[in-house]
Amino acid sequence: MRILELWNKQVSFIICIFLSSLIFSKMDLEMPTSLLHTFTQNVTLFSANFDRFLTGSFDQTVGVWSQDGQLIQRLQQFMGEITGMCYVPSLKIVWITSGSSQPLVLDPRSGDVISNFVDTFQDYDDSLQIKKLTCLPETNHVIGSTRNQMIVWKYHNAGCVTILHAKHPLECLSYTGKKLLLLFTGDSSGIVVKWKRNDLSPFTYSKESYNMEDTRPERRGLRSLLQKQVTEQNKRPQSRIQRPGTAGILRNGIILNNQRLPTTRTKFCGYTKSLFTDEMDLLVMATENGDIFLWEFDDSVTGPVHEDTFLLDDEQHLKILMKENSPNTEESGGLINKHLAGFTCKKVLAGHFKAVTALAVVGKEHGFSTVYLLSGGWDRRLCLWDLLTCTLIETFCRPELDNWSEQREIACDGVIMDMCYCPKRQEFAYSSSNGNIYIRHFGAVSSEMTLVDILRGHEAEVTSVVWHNLKDKWITGSEDGTIRIWSEEGAQCERILHTKGVVMCICIDQINGCMVAGVQDTIRVYDPESLLQVQSNVGHTDLIRSIVHIPEMKQYASISWDRTVRLWKAYYKANNPYSSNA
């Protein structure tokens, strides 16, 4: 009865709005503000700083009005008369339907249509024609009706907040929150995309794509002098998740990895790994042909930007934008922050002969005189670079082998899959396809990179290794379906977490210390103390390749072979023992 009562009230208000707008349009009179307010009070939008009124009409448009009755925006992208609208307070968005199968979603704070940035209506039945909409804020339900059906949606706190679409399967992800929040993705076709969150909407992002064909970078390193290419450099190593016999992993009728189509490349290969160093404002992108591209902002046009721009509310943000765009300020004259300017690749590090899949940066903040880059990959070699001069310092040679041989530059028995640096102990760890993790001291020369330990226990490729800086332990994930927690001293495995799926990647929640793992196509969040799963995020339809935690926004970002970037609410832990360290 409660649902029917609210439904009848909503229908009555919509009918009143339509009739009033029709009468005044026929009489060629302007609708009084008081009457407009009376008929639209059920769809009036209230926020801390803005009041908005929305009206829909038979003219196939939606008007957005200010509190004093001034038209702010008119939406005209509808194919029929507006039949239903509702405000969803849990997300502060508006659903609008004109008899189509998919309601239009509007963010009233910015005026942006965000339908393409939400996954509510993905793979939806196009035969349905939704006529009416109403929201039950007490239960976070939205109810829609067709000619002979009722459809119910429910808000899910672990659902996808924002979805960003790419053209190709995505391989690597990194971000910076130094000045502005920027995401960087690299795909299998060799395209870098810079994603910037729009100022007034938490849902929409703008993007800029960059292709290596548009740049002429300078090549540095050993391979820059070699013309002959290794014939096997473009072949991916066989792993359990890529072999034909096991590539199709079923989950709820979805075949994973079934959308990864072969791409034709003539000159440039796809990206495999990336990281962003805030110390140098530099994006490091590794490729499957052994090159490492260094992308940087175009600093020919610079200017100030507020440190916490993306953390402010709407009113504060508008004040900052008005101040920065004012002709009376020193910041005028077309100057903008370099993070909003172009993006270019000026250097290429060429030292590997096969795909580079592991990267780690050691900065000056760790007590060194320069910024180092460690790289490893399928050629089983470790290269040490100076990022300030873009030069190869040394290729790792095993200090225990005095005489030169082909095995002296081999850092492990299998392909190097991942790498991480521990600043507390000045050690770095790299995982291998043979199931082992190797830990070495960090140094500027090979003689200082002595072997500390070998972590053994995984039964398949170790896809991820991270240092848990809140617990001071190494965390590893593998294709054997386990996450292992290792003791700080020694090579003892303290605890084993069975994920019941292939672990593709791991990151650490920097606020509560939870382990965030990409297990096949699902994000699973585990409490570091109890090892219980405390959150699950479902939405990707293919294997997840990378996850990062964005503490500034309290969100997780993930990429997948399904050609999407997805952002999720980070897990909130009430009794957080690491809150003082976050």
Protein backbone atom coordinates (compact mmCIF):
# COMPACT_ATOMS: atom_id res chain seq x y z
CA MET A 1 0.00 0.00 0.00
CA ARG A 2 2.86 2.37 0.82
CA ILE A 3 4.37 1.92 -2.63
CA LEU A 4 1.03 2.46 -4.38
CA GLU A 5 0.31 5.59 -2.32
CA LEU A 6 3.66 7.19 -3.22
CA TRP A 7 3.25 6.12 -6.82
CA ASN A 8 -0.18 7.77 -7.14
CA LYS A 9 1.13 11.00 -5.56
CA GLN A 10 4.05 11.14 -8.00
CA VAL A 11 1.80 10.56 -11.01
CA SER A 12 -0.55 13.31 -9.82
CA PHE A 13 2.26 15.84 -9.54
CA ILE A 14 3.61 14.98 -12.99
CA ILE A 15 0.16 15.37 -14.54
CA CYS A 16 -0.20 18.77 -12.85
CA ILE A 17 3.13 19.91 -14.22
CA PHE A 18 2.26 18.85 -17.75
CA LEU A 19 -1.20 20.44 -17.68
CA SER A 20 0.06 23.73 -16.26
CA SER A 21 2.87 24.03 -18.78
CA LEU A 22 0.46 23.22 -21.62
CA ILE A 23 -2.13 25.79 -20.52
CA PHE A 24 0.37 28.61 -20.17
CA SER A 25 2.04 27.81 -23.48
CA LYS A 26 -1.34 27.88 -25.31
CA MET A 27 -2.24 31.23 -23.70
CA ASP A 28 1.20 32.61 -24.60
CA LEU A 29 1.76 33.58 -20.98
CA GLU A 30 4.79 33.19 -18.77
CA MET A 31 4.25 30.76 -15.93
CA PRO A 32 4.47 32.56 -12.58
CA THR A 33 7.32 31.56 -10.31
CA SER A 34 4.97 30.72 -7.46
CA LEU A 35 2.91 28.40 -9.63
CA LEU A 36 6.04 26.74 -10.97
CA HIS A 37 7.27 26.17 -7.42
CA THR A 38 3.87 24.76 -6.40
CA PHE A 39 3.71 22.22 -9.19
CA THR A 40 7.35 21.10 -9.01
CA GLN A 41 7.99 20.91 -5.32
CA ASN A 42 8.11 17.14 -5.44
CA VAL A 43 11.08 17.25 -7.85
CA THR A 44 12.82 20.28 -6.37
CA LEU A 45 16.50 19.57 -5.74
CA PHE A 46 18.05 20.81 -2.55
CA SER A 47 21.77 20.84 -1.77
CA ALA A 48 23.97 22.79 0.58
CA ASN A 49 24.63 25.58 -1.93
CA PHE A 50 22.17 25.27 -4.82
CA ASP A 51 18.41 25.07 -5.37
CA ARG A 52 17.15 23.70 -8.63
CA PHE A 53 13.72 23.04 -10.09
CA LEU A 54 13.22 20.62 -12.95
CA THR A 55 10.19 20.55 -15.23
CA GLY A 56 9.37 18.21 -18.09
CA SER A 57 6.93 18.96 -20.88
CA PHE A 58 5.18 17.68 -23.98
CA ASP A 59 7.72 19.66 -26.06
CA GLN A 60 10.28 16.87 -25.42
CA THR A 61 12.51 19.09 -23.27
CA VAL A 62 13.46 19.39 -19.61
CA GLY A 63 14.00 22.79 -18.06
CA VAL A 64 16.36 23.43 -15.17
CA TRP A 65 15.31 26.53 -13.23
CA SER A 66 16.81 28.65 -10.49
CA GLN A 67 14.95 29.41 -7.29
CA ASP A 68 13.81 32.77 -8.63
CA GLY A 69 12.32 31.17 -11.75
CA GLN A 70 15.15 31.83 -14.23
CA LEU A 71 15.86 29.18 -16.85
CA ILE A 72 19.40 27.84 -16.32
CA GLN A 73 19.54 24.95 -18.74
CA ARG A 74 17.31 23.22 -21.26
CA LEU A 75 17.84 19.57 -22.13
CA GLN A 76 16.67 18.68 -25.63
CA GLN A 77 18.12 15.23 -26.25
CA PHE A 78 14.82 13.38 -25.89
CA MET A 79 12.94 11.48 -28.59
CA GLY A 80 9.51 11.86 -27.00
CA GLU A 81 7.50 13.76 -24.43
CA ILE A 82 8.78 13.70 -20.87
CA THR A 83 6.72 11.17 -18.96
CA GLY A 84 8.58 10.80 -15.66
CA MET A 85 11.28 12.27 -13.44
CA CYS A 86 12.60 11.45 -9.97
CA TYR A 87 15.38 12.68 -7.71
CA VAL A 88 17.67 10.06 -6.13
CA PRO A 89 19.00 11.66 -2.91
CA SER A 90 21.52 8.91 -2.13
CA LEU A 91 23.50 9.91 -5.24
CA LYS A 92 22.12 13.44 -5.75
CA ILE A 93 21.14 12.69 -9.34
CA VAL A 94 17.95 12.89 -11.40
CA TRP A 95 16.42 10.18 -13.56
CA ILE A 96 14.38 11.36 -16.55
CA THR A 97 12.37 9.18 -18.92
CA SER A 98 10.58 9.95 -22.16
CA GLY A 99 9.18 6.49 -22.78
CA SER A 100 12.56 5.02 -23.74
CA SER A 101 14.13 1.85 -22.37
CA GLN A 102 16.93 3.68 -20.55
CA PRO A 103 16.26 6.78 -18.43
CA LEU A 104 18.57 9.73 -18.87
CA VAL A 105 20.67 10.43 -15.76
CA LEU A 106 21.44 14.06 -14.89
CA ASP A 107 23.81 15.52 -12.30
CA PRO A 108 22.02 18.74 -11.27
CA ARG A 109 25.10 20.17 -9.56
CA SER A 110 26.96 20.53 -12.84
CA GLY A 111 24.19 20.14 -15.38
CA ASP A 112 26.04 17.21 -16.96
CA VAL A 113 24.26 14.24 -18.46
CA ILE A 114 26.07 11.31 -16.86
CA SER A 115 24.23 8.39 -18.47
CA ASN A 116 27.43 7.19 -20.16
CA PHE A 117 29.31 7.26 -16.85
CA VAL A 118 27.00 4.91 -14.91
CA ASP A 119 26.54 1.21 -15.55
CA THR A 120 22.97 0.92 -14.26
CA PHE A 121 21.52 0.34 -17.72
CA GLN A 122 24.31 -1.66 -19.33
CA ASP A 123 23.10 -4.79 -21.12
CA TYR A 124 19.55 -3.63 -20.46
CA ASP A 125 16.44 -4.87 -22.28
CA ASP A 126 15.83 -2.32 -25.04
CA SER A 127 12.30 -3.57 -25.66
CA LEU A 128 11.01 -2.04 -22.41
CA GLN A 129 9.53 1.46 -22.55
CA ILE A 130 9.66 3.11 -19.14
CA LYS A 131 6.84 5.61 -18.64
CA LYS A 132 6.91 6.63 -14.97
CA LEU A 133 9.60 6.92 -12.30
CA THR A 134 9.51 7.39 -8.55
CA CYS A 135 12.11 7.10 -5.78
CA LEU A 136 11.70 5.71 -2.28
CA PRO A 137 14.52 7.44 -0.35
CA GLU A 138 13.82 5.48 2.83
CA THR A 139 14.85 2.22 1.16
CA ASN A 140 17.01 3.60 -1.70
CA HIS A 141 14.73 2.10 -4.33
CA VAL A 142 13.78 3.55 -7.71
CA ILE A 143 10.58 2.19 -9.23
CA GLY A 144 9.78 2.43 -12.90
CA SER A 145 6.70 1.29 -14.76
CA THR A 146 6.13 0.23 -18.34
CA ARG A 147 2.85 -0.51 -19.98
CA ASN A 148 2.46 -3.81 -18.17
CA GLN A 149 5.49 -4.19 -15.88
CA MET A 150 7.04 -2.73 -12.75
CA ILE A 151 10.85 -2.44 -12.57
CA VAL A 152 12.70 -1.93 -9.29
CA TRP A 153 16.29 -0.72 -8.89
CA LYS A 154 18.11 -0.60 -5.55
CA TYR A 155 21.14 1.47 -4.65
CA HIS A 156 24.14 -0.71 -3.77
CA ASN A 157 26.94 0.84 -1.73
CA ALA A 158 29.53 -1.48 -3.35
CA GLY A 159 28.37 -0.73 -6.87
CA CYS A 160 30.38 1.06 -9.52
CA VAL A 161 30.45 4.82 -8.92
CA THR A 162 31.78 5.79 -12.35
CA ILE A 163 32.56 3.84 -15.50
CA LEU A 164 34.92 5.14 -18.21
CA HIS A 165 34.97 3.51 -21.62
CA ALA A 166 38.08 2.84 -23.70
CA LYS A 167 38.45 1.57 -27.26
CA HIS A 168 40.88 -1.27 -26.54
CA PRO A 169 41.60 -3.76 -23.74
CA LEU A 170 43.37 -1.94 -20.90
CA GLU A 171 46.63 -3.21 -19.47
CA CYS A 172 47.99 -0.70 -16.93
CA LEU A 173 46.77 2.05 -14.62
CA SER A 174 48.37 4.79 -12.51
CA TYR A 175 47.30 8.10 -11.02
CA THR A 176 48.46 11.34 -9.44
CA GLY A 177 46.72 13.49 -6.86
CA LYS A 178 49.48 16.03 -6.44
CA LYS A 179 47.74 19.02 -8.02
CA LEU A 180 44.70 17.59 -9.76
CA LEU A 181 43.29 14.10 -9.79
CA LEU A 182 44.47 12.49 -13.01
CA LEU A 183 44.22 8.86 -14.09
CA PHE A 184 46.49 7.36 -16.73
CA THR A 185 45.70 4.20 -18.67
CA GLY A 186 47.66 2.28 -21.27
CA ASP A 187 46.05 -0.22 -23.62
CA SER A 188 47.04 -3.11 -25.83
CA SER A 189 47.29 -0.90 -28.93
CA GLY A 190 49.86 1.52 -27.52
CA ILE A 191 47.56 4.44 -26.65
CA VAL A 192 47.91 6.47 -23.43
CA VAL A 193 44.79 8.17 -22.08
CA LYS A 194 44.82 10.92 -19.48
CA TRP A 195 41.52 11.10 -17.55
CA LYS A 196 40.63 14.23 -15.58
CA ARG A 197 37.67 14.40 -13.24
CA ASN A 198 35.41 17.30 -14.10
CA ASP A 199 35.32 20.11 -11.58
CA LEU A 200 31.68 20.17 -10.48
CA SER A 201 30.61 16.56 -10.99
CA PRO A 202 32.05 13.51 -9.19
CA PHE A 203 30.79 11.25 -11.98
CA THR A 204 32.13 12.67 -15.24
CA TYR A 205 35.66 12.65 -16.61
CA SER A 206 37.24 14.27 -19.64
CA LYS A 207 39.96 12.41 -21.53
CA GLU A 208 42.89 13.06 -23.84
CA SER A 209 44.44 10.29 -25.91
CA TYR A 210 48.09 10.17 -26.96
CA ASN A 211 49.67 7.89 -29.54
CA MET A 212 53.36 7.26 -30.02
CA GLU A 213 52.93 7.98 -33.73
CA ASP A 214 52.37 11.65 -32.84
CA THR A 215 55.74 12.02 -31.07
CA ARG A 216 59.40 11.67 -31.98
CA PRO A 217 61.11 10.75 -28.69
CA GLU A 218 64.83 10.40 -28.17
CA ARG A 219 65.96 6.83 -27.51
CA ARG A 220 68.39 6.12 -24.66
CA GLY A 221 70.03 2.89 -23.53
CA LEU A 222 71.73 -0.21 -24.86
CA ARG A 223 69.11 -1.20 -27.41
CA SER A 224 69.03 2.26 -28.95
CA LEU A 225 72.23 1.30 -30.75
CA LEU A 226 70.91 -2.01 -32.01
CA GLN A 227 68.88 -2.33 -35.19
CA LYS A 228 68.12 -6.01 -34.98
CA GLN A 229 65.00 -6.88 -33.03
CA VAL A 230 64.42 -10.12 -31.22
CA THR A 231 61.87 -12.12 -33.18
CA GLU A 232 60.09 -13.37 -30.09
CA GLN A 233 59.72 -10.02 -28.37
CA ASN A 234 56.05 -9.60 -29.33
CA LYS A 235 55.00 -13.01 -28.04
CA ARG A 236 53.35 -13.12 -24.65
CA PRO A 237 54.64 -15.81 -22.31
CA GLN A 238 52.26 -18.66 -21.72
CA SER A 239 50.46 -18.40 -18.41
CA ARG A 240 47.66 -20.44 -16.98
CA ILE A 241 45.06 -17.75 -17.66
CA GLN A 242 46.12 -17.26 -21.29
CA ARG A 243 46.39 -20.82 -22.51
CA PRO A 244 43.54 -21.90 -24.78
CA GLY A 245 42.48 -24.65 -22.42
CA THR A 246 41.79 -22.34 -19.53
CA ALA A 247 41.27 -18.92 -21.12
CA GLY A 248 37.50 -19.16 -20.88
CA ILE A 249 36.73 -18.94 -17.16
CA LEU A 250 33.02 -19.12 -16.47
CA ARG A 251 31.27 -16.96 -13.89
CA ASN A 252 27.51 -16.56 -14.00
CA GLY A 253 27.46 -17.40 -17.67
CA ILE A 254 30.16 -14.86 -18.60
CA ILE A 255 33.20 -16.16 -20.46
CA LEU A 256 36.21 -14.20 -19.32
CA ASN A 257 38.90 -13.17 -21.78
CA ASN A 258 36.55 -13.81 -24.68
CA GLN A 259 36.60 -10.21 -25.87
CA ARG A 260 40.37 -9.87 -26.19
CA LEU A 261 40.65 -9.58 -29.96
CA PRO A 262 43.99 -9.71 -31.73
CA THR A 263 45.29 -6.28 -32.71
CA THR A 264 47.32 -5.49 -35.77
CA ARG A 265 50.45 -3.50 -35.05
CA THR A 266 53.03 -2.26 -37.48
CA LYS A 267 55.43 -0.23 -35.39
CA PHE A 268 54.28 0.33 -31.82
CA CYS A 269 53.40 -2.32 -29.27
CA GLY A 270 50.98 -2.33 -26.39
CA TYR A 271 51.71 -1.13 -22.87
CA THR A 272 52.21 -3.61 -20.05
CA LYS A 273 52.99 -1.62 -16.88
CA SER A 274 52.91 1.98 -15.69
CA LEU A 275 53.65 4.17 -12.69
CA PHE A 276 53.60 7.89 -12.00
CA THR A 277 56.29 9.59 -9.95
CA ASP A 278 55.04 12.77 -8.26
CA GLU A 279 58.60 13.79 -7.50
CA MET A 280 59.30 14.37 -11.19
CA ASP A 281 55.76 14.68 -12.60
CA LEU A 282 56.69 11.83 -14.89
CA LEU A 283 54.64 8.93 -16.24
CA VAL A 284 56.67 5.79 -16.86
CA MET A 285 55.10 3.37 -19.36
CA ALA A 286 56.58 -0.04 -20.16
CA THR A 287 55.80 -1.88 -23.37
CA GLU A 288 55.77 -5.44 -24.61
CA ASN A 289 58.66 -4.85 -27.04
CA GLY A 290 61.08 -3.90 -24.25
CA ASP A 291 60.93 -0.09 -24.49
CA ILE A 292 60.08 2.22 -21.58
CA PHE A 293 58.41 5.49 -22.55
CA LEU A 294 58.72 8.58 -20.35
CA TRP A 295 55.67 10.83 -20.70
CA GLU A 296 55.72 14.30 -19.19
CA PHE A 297 53.51 17.39 -19.07
CA ASP A 298 54.06 20.18 -21.53
CA ASP A 299 55.51 22.85 -19.24
CA SER A 300 55.63 25.57 -21.87
CA VAL A 301 52.37 26.92 -20.40
CA THR A 302 52.17 26.95 -16.63
CA GLY A 303 50.22 28.59 -13.87
CA PRO A 304 48.93 28.02 -10.34
CA VAL A 305 46.17 25.67 -9.36
CA HIS A 306 44.63 25.07 -5.97
CA GLU A 307 46.14 22.13 -4.10
CA ASP A 308 42.78 20.69 -3.02
CA THR A 309 40.66 21.60 -6.04
CA PHE A 310 38.97 18.24 -6.38
CA LEU A 311 38.22 17.99 -2.64
CA LEU A 312 36.16 21.20 -2.36
CA ASP A 313 32.42 21.62 -2.42
CA ASP A 314 30.66 23.41 -5.28
CA GLU A 315 30.60 26.92 -3.77
CA GLN A 316 34.29 26.90 -2.79
CA HIS A 317 35.19 25.50 -6.19
CA LEU A 318 33.31 28.25 -8.01
CA LYS A 319 35.05 30.93 -5.94
CA ILE A 320 38.46 29.49 -6.83
CA LEU A 321 37.60 29.26 -10.52
CA MET A 322 36.29 32.83 -10.56
CA LYS A 323 39.38 34.08 -8.76
CA GLU A 324 41.78 32.28 -11.08
CA ASN A 325 39.92 33.47 -14.18
CA SER A 326 39.62 37.07 -13.01
CA PRO A 327 41.42 39.58 -15.26
CA ASN A 328 42.52 41.53 -12.17
CA THR A 329 44.71 38.73 -10.82
CA GLU A 330 48.28 37.88 -11.62
CA GLU A 331 47.20 34.45 -12.77
CA SER A 332 45.30 35.81 -15.78
CA GLY A 333 46.58 36.00 -19.31
CA GLY A 334 45.79 32.44 -20.39
CA LEU A 335 48.17 30.74 -17.99
CA ILE A 336 47.01 27.36 -16.77
CA ASN A 337 48.55 24.67 -14.70
CA LYS A 338 50.78 22.33 -16.65
CA HIS A 339 48.72 19.37 -15.48
CA LEU A 340 45.92 20.69 -17.68
CA ALA A 341 48.20 21.25 -20.65
CA GLY A 342 49.44 18.76 -23.22
CA PHE A 343 51.25 15.51 -22.68
CA THR A 344 54.33 14.43 -24.60
CA CYS A 345 56.90 11.65 -24.72
CA LYS A 346 60.44 12.98 -25.07
CA LYS A 347 62.55 9.99 -24.00
CA VAL A 348 62.51 6.24 -24.55
CA LEU A 349 64.61 3.92 -22.39
CA ALA A 350 65.74 0.93 -24.46
CA GLY A 351 67.56 -1.68 -22.42
CA HIS A 352 65.39 -4.81 -22.46
CA PHE A 353 65.06 -7.31 -25.27
CA LYS A 354 61.57 -8.56 -24.40
CA ALA A 355 58.46 -7.22 -22.68
CA VAL A 356 58.92 -5.12 -19.53
CA THR A 357 56.36 -6.08 -16.89
CA ALA A 358 57.85 -4.77 -13.62
CA LEU A 359 58.71 -1.21 -12.58
CA ALA A 360 59.74 0.44 -9.31
CA VAL A 361 60.87 4.00 -8.54
CA VAL A 362 63.36 4.88 -5.79
CA GLY A 363 63.25 8.63 -5.17
CA LYS A 364 65.36 11.24 -3.47
CA GLU A 365 63.06 11.17 -0.47
CA HIS A 366 64.60 7.81 0.39
CA GLY A 367 68.02 9.41 0.90
CA PHE A 368 69.51 9.07 -2.58
CA SER A 369 71.05 11.78 -4.73
CA THR A 370 68.93 11.02 -7.79
CA VAL A 371 65.72 9.28 -8.81
CA TYR A 372 66.24 5.64 -9.78
CA LEU A 373 64.05 3.40 -11.89
CA LEU A 374 64.23 -0.39 -11.62
CA SER A 375 62.80 -2.41 -14.50
CA GLY A 376 62.43 -6.12 -15.19
CA GLY A 377 60.59 -8.35 -17.62
CA TRP A 378 60.44 -11.43 -19.75
CA ASP A 379 64.15 -11.36 -20.60
CA ARG A 380 64.76 -12.09 -16.84
CA ARG A 381 67.08 -9.08 -16.61
CA LEU A 382 67.07 -6.14 -14.17
CA CYS A 383 67.99 -2.68 -15.43
CA LEU A 384 68.78 0.32 -13.23
CA TRP A 385 68.11 3.77 -14.71
CA ASP A 386 68.76 7.37 -13.66
CA LEU A 387 65.50 9.20 -14.39
CA LEU A 388 67.07 12.64 -14.01
CA THR A 389 69.54 12.04 -16.82
CA CYS A 390 67.54 9.28 -18.58
CA THR A 391 70.56 7.02 -18.71
CA LEU A 392 71.16 3.34 -18.05
CA ILE A 393 73.33 3.03 -14.95
CA GLU A 394 73.80 -0.70 -14.97
CA THR A 395 72.33 -4.02 -15.97
CA PHE A 396 72.22 -6.27 -12.95
CA CYS A 397 74.89 -8.96 -12.81
CA ARG A 398 74.81 -11.64 -10.17
CA PRO A 399 77.70 -10.82 -7.83
CA GLU A 400 78.17 -14.47 -6.85
CA LEU A 401 79.28 -15.32 -10.42
CA ASP A 402 82.80 -13.99 -10.96
CA ASN A 403 83.29 -15.04 -14.57
CA TRP A 404 81.06 -13.64 -17.31
CA SER A 405 78.44 -15.93 -18.76
CA GLU A 406 74.93 -15.65 -20.18
CA GLN A 407 73.56 -16.63 -16.79
CA ARG A 408 75.27 -13.76 -15.01
CA GLU A 409 72.65 -11.20 -16.14
CA ILE A 410 69.75 -13.55 -15.35
CA ALA A 411 68.10 -12.30 -12.13
CA CYS A 412 65.83 -15.36 -11.66
CA ASP A 413 64.89 -18.65 -13.24
CA GLY A 414 61.56 -17.47 -14.62
CA VAL A 415 60.00 -14.42 -16.20
CA ILE A 416 59.87 -11.35 -13.92
CA MET A 417 56.19 -10.57 -13.33
CA ASP A 418 56.08 -7.73 -10.78
CA MET A 419 58.33 -5.58 -8.59
CA CYS A 420 58.08 -3.41 -5.47
CA TYR A 421 60.49 -1.28 -3.44
CA CYS A 422 60.48 -1.19 0.39
CA PRO A 423 61.83 2.18 1.62
CA LYS A 424 61.92 1.11 5.27
CA ARG A 425 64.41 -1.68 4.62
CA GLN A 426 65.91 -0.32 1.37
CA GLU A 427 65.10 -3.59 -0.33
CA PHE A 428 63.22 -4.50 -3.47
CA ALA A 429 61.31 -7.67 -4.28
CA TYR A 430 60.45 -9.10 -7.68
CA SER A 431 58.16 -12.02 -8.41
CA SER A 432 58.71 -14.72 -10.99
CA SER A 433 56.76 -17.10 -13.16
CA ASN A 434 58.46 -19.99 -11.36
CA GLY A 435 56.45 -19.24 -8.21
CA ASN A 436 59.25 -17.57 -6.22
CA ILE A 437 59.78 -14.04 -4.93
CA TYR A 438 63.34 -12.70 -4.73
CA ILE A 439 64.31 -10.00 -2.23
CA ARG A 440 67.52 -8.01 -2.70
CA HIS A 441 69.18 -5.02 -1.10
CA PHE A 442 68.95 -1.91 -3.23
CA GLY A 443 72.12 -0.27 -4.47
CA ALA A 444 73.44 1.74 -7.37
CA VAL A 445 75.73 -1.11 -8.44
CA SER A 446 75.21 -4.84 -8.79
CA SER A 447 77.65 -5.68 -6.02
CA GLU A 448 75.33 -3.93 -3.56
CA MET A 449 72.22 -5.84 -4.73
CA THR A 450 72.88 -8.89 -2.61
CA LEU A 451 70.23 -11.55 -2.25
CA VAL A 452 68.40 -11.30 1.07
CA ASP A 453 65.77 -14.05 0.78
CA ILE A 454 63.77 -16.17 -1.61
CA LEU A 455 60.08 -16.54 -0.70
CA ARG A 456 58.84 -19.99 -1.71
CA GLY A 457 55.41 -21.49 -1.43
CA HIS A 458 53.28 -20.42 -4.39
CA GLU A 459 52.44 -23.17 -6.87
CA ALA A 460 52.04 -20.99 -9.97
CA GLU A 461 53.09 -17.63 -11.37
CA VAL A 462 53.31 -14.86 -8.78
CA THR A 463 51.42 -12.04 -10.47
CA SER A 464 51.74 -9.40 -7.75
CA VAL A 465 54.09 -8.42 -4.93
CA VAL A 466 53.49 -5.38 -2.68
CA TRP A 467 54.96 -4.03 0.54
CA HIS A 468 52.35 -3.47 3.24
CA ASN A 469 53.70 -0.28 4.81
CA LEU A 470 51.13 -0.35 7.63
CA LYS A 471 51.96 -3.92 8.72
CA ASP A 472 55.59 -4.00 7.52
CA LYS A 473 55.15 -7.25 5.61
CA TRP A 474 55.42 -8.51 2.05
CA ILE A 475 52.12 -9.49 0.41
CA THR A 476 52.03 -11.66 -2.71
CA GLY A 477 49.31 -12.96 -5.00
CA SER A 478 49.45 -15.79 -7.50
CA GLU A 479 47.62 -17.64 -10.21
CA ASP A 480 47.34 -20.53 -7.75
CA GLY A 481 44.42 -18.63 -6.16
CA THR A 482 46.17 -17.60 -2.94
CA ILE A 483 47.38 -14.44 -1.25
CA ARG A 484 50.30 -15.00 1.10
CA ILE A 485 51.45 -12.81 3.98
CA TRP A 486 55.14 -13.15 4.79
CA SER A 487 56.97 -12.46 8.02
CA GLU A 488 58.94 -9.22 8.24
CA GLU A 489 62.12 -11.07 9.15
CA GLY A 490 63.01 -14.22 7.28
CA ALA A 491 61.16 -16.02 4.52
CA GLN A 492 58.36 -17.57 6.54
CA CYS A 493 54.80 -17.52 5.22
CA GLU A 494 52.66 -16.45 8.15
CA ARG A 495 49.18 -16.74 6.66
CA ILE A 496 47.56 -17.99 3.46
CA LEU A 497 44.35 -16.55 2.08
CA HIS A 498 42.44 -18.68 -0.45
CA THR A 499 40.60 -16.46 -2.95
CA LYS A 500 39.04 -19.28 -5.02
CA GLY A 501 40.21 -17.60 -8.20
CA VAL A 502 43.26 -16.37 -10.09
CA VAL A 503 44.79 -13.32 -8.37
CA MET A 504 45.58 -10.79 -11.09
CA CYS A 505 46.74 -7.82 -9.00
CA ILE A 506 46.88 -6.46 -5.43
CA CYS A 507 46.99 -3.02 -3.87
CA ILE A 508 46.93 -1.87 -0.24
CA ASP A 509 44.28 0.45 1.15
CA GLN A 510 46.42 3.23 2.61
CA ILE A 511 43.74 4.24 5.12
CA ASN A 512 42.67 0.97 6.75
CA GLY A 513 45.35 -1.47 5.57
CA CYS A 514 42.95 -3.79 3.76
CA MET A 515 44.23 -5.92 0.90
CA VAL A 516 42.39 -5.09 -2.32
CA ALA A 517 42.75 -7.89 -4.85
CA GLY A 518 41.62 -8.29 -8.43
CA VAL A 519 40.46 -11.91 -8.50
CA GLN A 520 39.61 -12.70 -12.12
CA ASP A 521 36.86 -10.14 -12.87
CA THR A 522 35.92 -9.28 -9.27
CA ILE A 523 37.47 -6.94 -6.70
CA ARG A 524 37.70 -8.56 -3.27
CA VAL A 525 38.68 -6.60 -0.16
CA TYR A 526 40.17 -8.54 2.77
CA ASP A 527 40.69 -7.41 6.33
CA PRO A 528 44.42 -7.72 7.16
CA GLU A 529 43.75 -9.02 10.67
CA SER A 530 40.91 -11.51 10.26
CA LEU A 531 41.57 -12.25 6.54
CA LEU A 532 37.80 -12.17 6.06
CA GLN A 533 36.34 -10.71 2.90
CA VAL A 534 34.70 -7.43 3.92
CA GLN A 535 33.68 -6.10 0.50
CA SER A 536 33.16 -7.35 -3.01
CA ASN A 537 32.83 -5.19 -6.14
CA VAL A 538 31.27 -6.84 -9.19
CA GLY A 539 30.89 -5.20 -12.58
CA HIS A 540 33.85 -6.04 -14.81
CA THR A 541 33.17 -8.66 -17.46
CA ASP A 542 36.77 -9.68 -18.14
CA LEU A 543 40.02 -10.08 -16.24
CA ILE A 544 41.08 -7.14 -14.04
CA ARG A 545 44.59 -5.99 -14.89
CA SER A 546 45.33 -3.33 -12.27
CA ILE A 547 43.88 -1.66 -9.15
CA VAL A 548 44.93 1.53 -7.37
CA HIS A 549 43.66 3.11 -4.17
CA ILE A 550 42.91 6.85 -4.36
CA PRO A 551 42.89 7.98 -0.71
CA GLU A 552 42.10 11.59 -1.65
CA MET A 553 38.70 10.46 -2.92
CA LYS A 554 38.32 7.33 -0.79
CA GLN A 555 37.87 5.25 -3.93
CA TYR A 556 39.39 2.28 -5.73
CA ALA A 557 40.08 2.48 -9.46
CA SER A 558 40.37 -0.64 -11.61
CA ILE A 559 40.93 -1.46 -15.26
CA SER A 560 40.12 -4.58 -17.22
CA TRP A 561 40.33 -6.27 -20.57
CA ASP A 562 36.63 -5.40 -20.91
CA ARG A 563 37.79 -1.92 -22.07
CA THR A 564 36.56 -0.04 -19.00
CA VAL A 565 37.93 1.93 -16.08
CA ARG A 566 35.72 1.64 -13.02
CA LEU A 567 35.75 3.60 -9.78
CA TRP A 568 34.32 2.20 -6.55
CA LYS A 569 33.77 3.41 -3.02
CA ALA A 570 36.64 2.30 -0.81
CA TYR A 571 35.85 0.09 2.15
CA TYR A 572 35.18 2.02 5.35
CA LYS A 573 36.44 0.40 8.54
CA ALA A 574 34.78 1.74 11.69
CA ASN A 575 37.45 0.71 14.18
CA ASN A 576 40.52 1.48 12.14
CA PRO A 577 43.78 0.75 14.01
CA TYR A 578 45.76 2.64 11.34
CA SER A 579 43.70 5.84 11.41
CA SER A 580 46.47 7.76 13.18
CA ASN A 581 48.95 6.70 10.45
CA ALA A 582 46.72 7.42 7.49
